[in-house]
């Protein structure tokens, strides 16, 4: 009889430890998944920020070009300045 009680108490201890382990695994696993996902989103955010910086630079170059063309249209002068801006614009397009 004592032998059966010892076996039952051992089985009870195993089930308690197993239940606690399952609860801990259910709590810890989502934290690891979220951590991994946050790291991935941070990497995407960094790439997006760099791309936005490139787009901003291109937009500035295009705006400068448009202003030079408008000035040339109004005054008929500034051909040399337009050539400089064209070269800058071409260089920025080639670099990207």
N, C-alpha and C. Protein backbone atom coordinates (compact mmCIF):
# COMPACT_ATOMS: atom_id res chain seq x y z
N UNK A 1 0.82 -1.19 0.00
CA UNK A 1 0.00 0.00 0.00
C UNK A 1 0.87 1.26 0.00
N UNK A 2 1.91 1.24 0.79
CA UNK A 2 2.81 2.41 0.83
C UNK A 2 3.50 2.60 -0.52
N UNK A 3 3.80 1.50 -1.17
CA UNK A 3 4.44 1.58 -2.48
C UNK A 3 3.53 2.27 -3.48
N UNK A 4 2.25 1.96 -3.46
CA UNK A 4 1.29 2.58 -4.37
C UNK A 4 1.16 4.06 -4.05
N UNK A 5 1.17 4.43 -2.77
CA UNK A 5 1.08 5.84 -2.38
C UNK A 5 2.31 6.62 -2.83
N UNK A 6 3.47 6.00 -2.76
CA UNK A 6 4.69 6.65 -3.22
C UNK A 6 4.64 6.87 -4.73
N UNK A 7 4.17 5.87 -5.45
CA UNK A 7 4.05 6.00 -6.91
C UNK A 7 3.06 7.11 -7.25
N UNK A 8 1.94 7.13 -6.55
CA UNK A 8 0.93 8.16 -6.80
C UNK A 8 1.46 9.56 -6.45
N UNK A 9 2.22 9.67 -5.37
CA UNK A 9 2.77 10.97 -5.01
C UNK A 9 3.82 11.42 -6.02
N UNK A 10 4.60 10.48 -6.54
CA UNK A 10 5.59 10.81 -7.58
C UNK A 10 4.87 11.25 -8.85
N UNK A 11 3.82 10.53 -9.22
CA UNK A 11 3.04 10.91 -10.41
C UNK A 11 2.40 12.29 -10.23
N UNK A 12 1.91 12.55 -9.02
CA UNK A 12 1.32 13.85 -8.73
C UNK A 12 2.35 14.97 -8.84
N UNK A 13 3.55 14.73 -8.34
CA UNK A 13 4.62 15.73 -8.43
C UNK A 13 5.02 15.98 -9.89
N UNK A 14 5.07 14.90 -10.67
CA UNK A 14 5.42 15.04 -12.08
C UNK A 14 4.36 15.86 -12.81
N UNK A 15 3.08 15.59 -12.52
CA UNK A 15 2.02 16.33 -13.21
C UNK A 15 2.01 17.80 -12.78
N UNK A 16 2.31 18.09 -11.52
CA UNK A 16 2.37 19.48 -11.06
C UNK A 16 3.52 20.21 -11.74
N UNK A 17 4.68 19.58 -11.81
CA UNK A 17 5.84 20.19 -12.46
C UNK A 17 5.57 20.36 -13.95
N UNK A 18 4.95 19.36 -14.57
CA UNK A 18 4.63 19.46 -16.00
C UNK A 18 3.63 20.57 -16.27
N UNK A 19 2.62 20.71 -15.41
CA UNK A 19 1.64 21.79 -15.57
C UNK A 19 2.28 23.14 -15.41
N UNK A 20 3.15 23.28 -14.42
CA UNK A 20 3.85 24.55 -14.21
C UNK A 20 4.75 24.86 -15.40
N UNK A 21 5.42 23.84 -15.93
CA UNK A 21 6.27 24.04 -17.10
C UNK A 21 5.46 24.47 -18.31
N UNK A 22 4.28 23.88 -18.48
CA UNK A 22 3.43 24.26 -19.61
C UNK A 22 2.96 25.71 -19.48
N UNK A 23 2.60 26.10 -18.29
CA UNK A 23 2.16 27.49 -18.07
C UNK A 23 3.31 28.45 -18.34
N UNK A 24 4.48 28.14 -17.85
CA UNK A 24 5.65 29.00 -18.08
C UNK A 24 5.95 29.08 -19.57
N UNK A 25 5.87 27.94 -20.28
CA UNK A 25 6.13 27.94 -21.72
C UNK A 25 5.09 28.79 -22.45
N UNK A 26 3.83 28.74 -22.03
CA UNK A 26 2.79 29.53 -22.68
C UNK A 26 2.98 31.02 -22.43
N UNK A 27 3.58 31.37 -21.31
CA UNK A 27 3.82 32.78 -21.00
C UNK A 27 5.08 33.29 -21.69
N UNK A 28 6.11 32.49 -21.74
CA UNK A 28 7.41 32.92 -22.26
C UNK A 28 7.44 32.91 -23.79
N UNK A 29 6.81 31.94 -24.42
CA UNK A 29 6.86 31.80 -25.88
C UNK A 29 6.36 33.06 -26.60
N UNK A 30 5.21 33.64 -26.23
CA UNK A 30 4.77 34.86 -26.92
C UNK A 30 5.75 36.03 -26.76
N UNK A 31 6.41 36.09 -25.61
CA UNK A 31 7.39 37.17 -25.40
C UNK A 31 8.54 37.03 -26.39
N UNK A 32 8.99 35.82 -26.65
CA UNK A 32 10.07 35.61 -27.62
C UNK A 32 9.60 35.91 -29.04
N UNK A 33 8.35 35.53 -29.35
CA UNK A 33 7.82 35.82 -30.67
C UNK A 33 7.71 37.33 -30.90
N UNK A 34 7.22 38.03 -29.89
CA UNK A 34 7.08 39.49 -30.02
C UNK A 34 8.45 40.14 -30.14
N UNK A 35 9.41 39.66 -29.38
CA UNK A 35 10.76 40.22 -29.45
C UNK A 35 11.34 40.06 -30.85
N UNK A 36 11.17 38.89 -31.42
CA UNK A 36 11.68 38.63 -32.77
C UNK A 36 10.97 39.53 -33.78
N UNK A 37 9.66 39.67 -33.62
CA UNK A 37 8.90 40.50 -34.54
C UNK A 37 9.29 41.98 -34.43
N UNK A 38 9.54 42.45 -33.23
CA UNK A 38 9.96 43.83 -33.03
C UNK A 38 11.31 44.07 -33.70
N UNK A 39 12.21 43.14 -33.58
CA UNK A 39 13.51 43.28 -34.25
C UNK A 39 13.35 43.37 -35.77
N UNK A 40 12.46 42.55 -36.31
CA UNK A 40 12.21 42.57 -37.75
C UNK A 40 11.59 43.90 -38.17
N UNK A 41 10.65 44.40 -37.39
CA UNK A 41 10.01 45.68 -37.71
C UNK A 41 11.00 46.83 -37.60
N UNK A 42 11.93 46.76 -36.66
CA UNK A 42 12.95 47.80 -36.55
C UNK A 42 13.85 47.81 -37.78
N UNK A 43 14.17 46.64 -38.28
CA UNK A 43 15.00 46.56 -39.50
C UNK A 43 14.25 47.17 -40.68
N UNK A 44 12.96 46.85 -40.81
CA UNK A 44 12.15 47.44 -41.88
C UNK A 44 12.06 48.95 -41.72
N UNK A 45 11.91 49.41 -40.50
CA UNK A 45 11.81 50.84 -40.24
C UNK A 45 13.09 51.57 -40.66
N UNK A 46 14.23 50.97 -40.36
CA UNK A 46 15.51 51.57 -40.74
C UNK A 46 15.65 51.66 -42.27
N UNK A 47 15.25 50.58 -42.96
CA UNK A 47 15.32 50.60 -44.43
C UNK A 47 14.38 51.67 -45.00
N UNK A 48 13.19 51.76 -44.43
CA UNK A 48 12.22 52.76 -44.90
C UNK A 48 12.74 54.18 -44.67
N UNK A 49 13.38 54.41 -43.52
CA UNK A 49 13.90 55.74 -43.22
C UNK A 49 15.00 56.12 -44.22
N UNK A 50 15.88 55.18 -44.52
CA UNK A 50 16.94 55.47 -45.49
C UNK A 50 16.36 55.77 -46.86
N UNK A 51 15.35 55.02 -47.25
CA UNK A 51 14.73 55.24 -48.56
C UNK A 51 14.04 56.60 -48.59
N UNK A 52 13.40 56.99 -47.50
CA UNK A 52 12.76 58.30 -47.45
C UNK A 52 13.79 59.42 -47.55
N UNK A 53 14.96 59.23 -46.97
CA UNK A 53 16.02 60.22 -47.08
C UNK A 53 16.46 60.37 -48.54
N UNK A 54 16.57 59.25 -49.24
CA UNK A 54 16.95 59.29 -50.66
C UNK A 54 15.89 60.01 -51.47
N UNK A 55 14.63 59.68 -51.21
CA UNK A 55 13.54 60.33 -51.93
C UNK A 55 13.49 61.82 -51.65
N UNK A 56 13.77 62.20 -50.43
CA UNK A 56 13.79 63.63 -50.08
C UNK A 56 14.89 64.36 -50.84
N UNK A 57 16.05 63.73 -50.95
CA UNK A 57 17.15 64.34 -51.72
C UNK A 57 16.79 64.49 -53.18
N UNK A 58 16.14 63.47 -53.74
CA UNK A 58 15.74 63.56 -55.15
C UNK A 58 14.68 64.64 -55.35
N UNK A 59 13.78 64.76 -54.39
CA UNK A 59 12.74 65.78 -54.49
C UNK A 59 13.35 67.19 -54.45
N UNK A 60 14.36 67.37 -53.61
CA UNK A 60 15.04 68.67 -53.56
C UNK A 60 15.72 68.98 -54.89
N UNK A 61 16.37 67.98 -55.49
CA UNK A 61 17.03 68.19 -56.77
C UNK A 61 16.02 68.53 -57.86
N UNK A 62 14.89 67.84 -57.86
CA UNK A 62 13.86 68.12 -58.85
C UNK A 62 13.26 69.51 -58.65
N UNK A 63 13.09 69.91 -57.41
CA UNK A 63 12.56 71.25 -57.13
C UNK A 63 13.54 72.32 -57.60
N UNK A 64 14.83 72.08 -57.37
CA UNK A 64 15.85 73.03 -57.84
C UNK A 64 15.81 73.13 -59.36
N UNK A 65 15.67 72.00 -60.02
CA UNK A 65 15.60 71.98 -61.48
C UNK A 65 14.37 72.72 -61.97
N UNK A 66 13.25 72.51 -61.34
CA UNK A 66 12.02 73.19 -61.73
C UNK A 66 12.14 74.69 -61.53
N UNK A 67 12.76 75.11 -60.43
CA UNK A 67 12.94 76.54 -60.19
C UNK A 67 13.84 77.16 -61.25
N UNK A 68 14.90 76.45 -61.65
CA UNK A 68 15.80 76.98 -62.68
C UNK A 68 15.07 77.07 -64.02
N UNK A 69 14.26 76.09 -64.34
CA UNK A 69 13.51 76.14 -65.59
C UNK A 69 12.49 77.28 -65.59
N UNK A 70 11.85 77.49 -64.46
CA UNK A 70 10.89 78.58 -64.34
C UNK A 70 11.60 79.93 -64.48
N UNK A 71 12.74 80.06 -63.84
CA UNK A 71 13.51 81.30 -63.94
C UNK A 71 13.96 81.54 -65.39
N UNK A 72 14.40 80.49 -66.06
CA UNK A 72 14.82 80.61 -67.45
C UNK A 72 13.63 80.99 -68.34
N UNK A 73 12.48 80.42 -68.07
CA UNK A 73 11.29 80.72 -68.84
C UNK A 73 10.90 82.19 -68.69
N UNK A 74 11.09 82.72 -67.49
CA UNK A 74 10.71 84.11 -67.24
C UNK A 74 11.72 85.07 -67.85
N UNK A 75 13.01 84.84 -67.59
CA UNK A 75 14.03 85.80 -68.00
C UNK A 75 14.73 85.45 -69.30
N UNK A 76 14.76 84.18 -69.65
CA UNK A 76 15.49 83.76 -70.84
C UNK A 76 16.98 83.61 -70.58
N UNK A 77 17.40 83.78 -69.36
CA UNK A 77 18.82 83.67 -68.99
C UNK A 77 19.03 82.42 -68.15
N UNK A 78 20.25 82.27 -67.70
CA UNK A 78 20.56 81.20 -66.75
C UNK A 78 20.80 79.86 -67.39
N UNK A 79 21.26 79.84 -68.62
CA UNK A 79 21.50 78.57 -69.30
C UNK A 79 22.62 77.80 -68.61
N UNK A 80 23.66 78.49 -68.18
CA UNK A 80 24.79 77.83 -67.51
C UNK A 80 24.33 77.21 -66.19
N UNK A 81 23.48 77.93 -65.47
CA UNK A 81 22.96 77.41 -64.20
C UNK A 81 22.09 76.18 -64.45
N UNK A 82 21.33 76.21 -65.54
CA UNK A 82 20.51 75.05 -65.87
C UNK A 82 21.37 73.85 -66.22
N UNK A 83 22.50 74.07 -66.88
CA UNK A 83 23.41 72.96 -67.21
C UNK A 83 24.01 72.36 -65.94
N UNK A 84 24.36 73.24 -64.98
CA UNK A 84 24.91 72.75 -63.70
C UNK A 84 23.87 71.91 -62.96
N UNK A 85 22.66 72.40 -62.91
CA UNK A 85 21.60 71.67 -62.21
C UNK A 85 21.31 70.35 -62.92
N UNK A 86 21.33 70.36 -64.26
CA UNK A 86 21.12 69.13 -65.02
C UNK A 86 22.18 68.09 -64.65
N UNK A 87 23.44 68.54 -64.58
CA UNK A 87 24.52 67.62 -64.23
C UNK A 87 24.34 67.07 -62.81
N UNK A 88 23.94 67.93 -61.87
CA UNK A 88 23.70 67.48 -60.50
C UNK A 88 22.56 66.47 -60.46
N UNK A 89 21.49 66.75 -61.20
CA UNK A 89 20.34 65.86 -61.24
C UNK A 89 20.71 64.52 -61.85
N UNK A 90 21.46 64.53 -62.92
CA UNK A 90 21.89 63.29 -63.56
C UNK A 90 22.78 62.49 -62.61
N UNK A 91 23.67 63.17 -61.91
CA UNK A 91 24.55 62.49 -60.98
C UNK A 91 23.76 61.85 -59.84
N UNK A 92 22.75 62.57 -59.33
CA UNK A 92 21.96 61.99 -58.24
C UNK A 92 21.12 60.82 -58.72
N UNK A 93 20.65 60.85 -59.96
CA UNK A 93 19.88 59.73 -60.51
C UNK A 93 20.79 58.51 -60.68
N UNK A 94 21.99 58.74 -61.17
CA UNK A 94 22.93 57.63 -61.38
C UNK A 94 23.34 56.99 -60.05
N UNK A 95 23.54 57.81 -59.02
CA UNK A 95 23.95 57.29 -57.73
C UNK A 95 22.87 56.43 -57.09
N UNK A 96 21.62 56.77 -57.33
CA UNK A 96 20.54 56.03 -56.70
C UNK A 96 20.21 54.85 -57.54
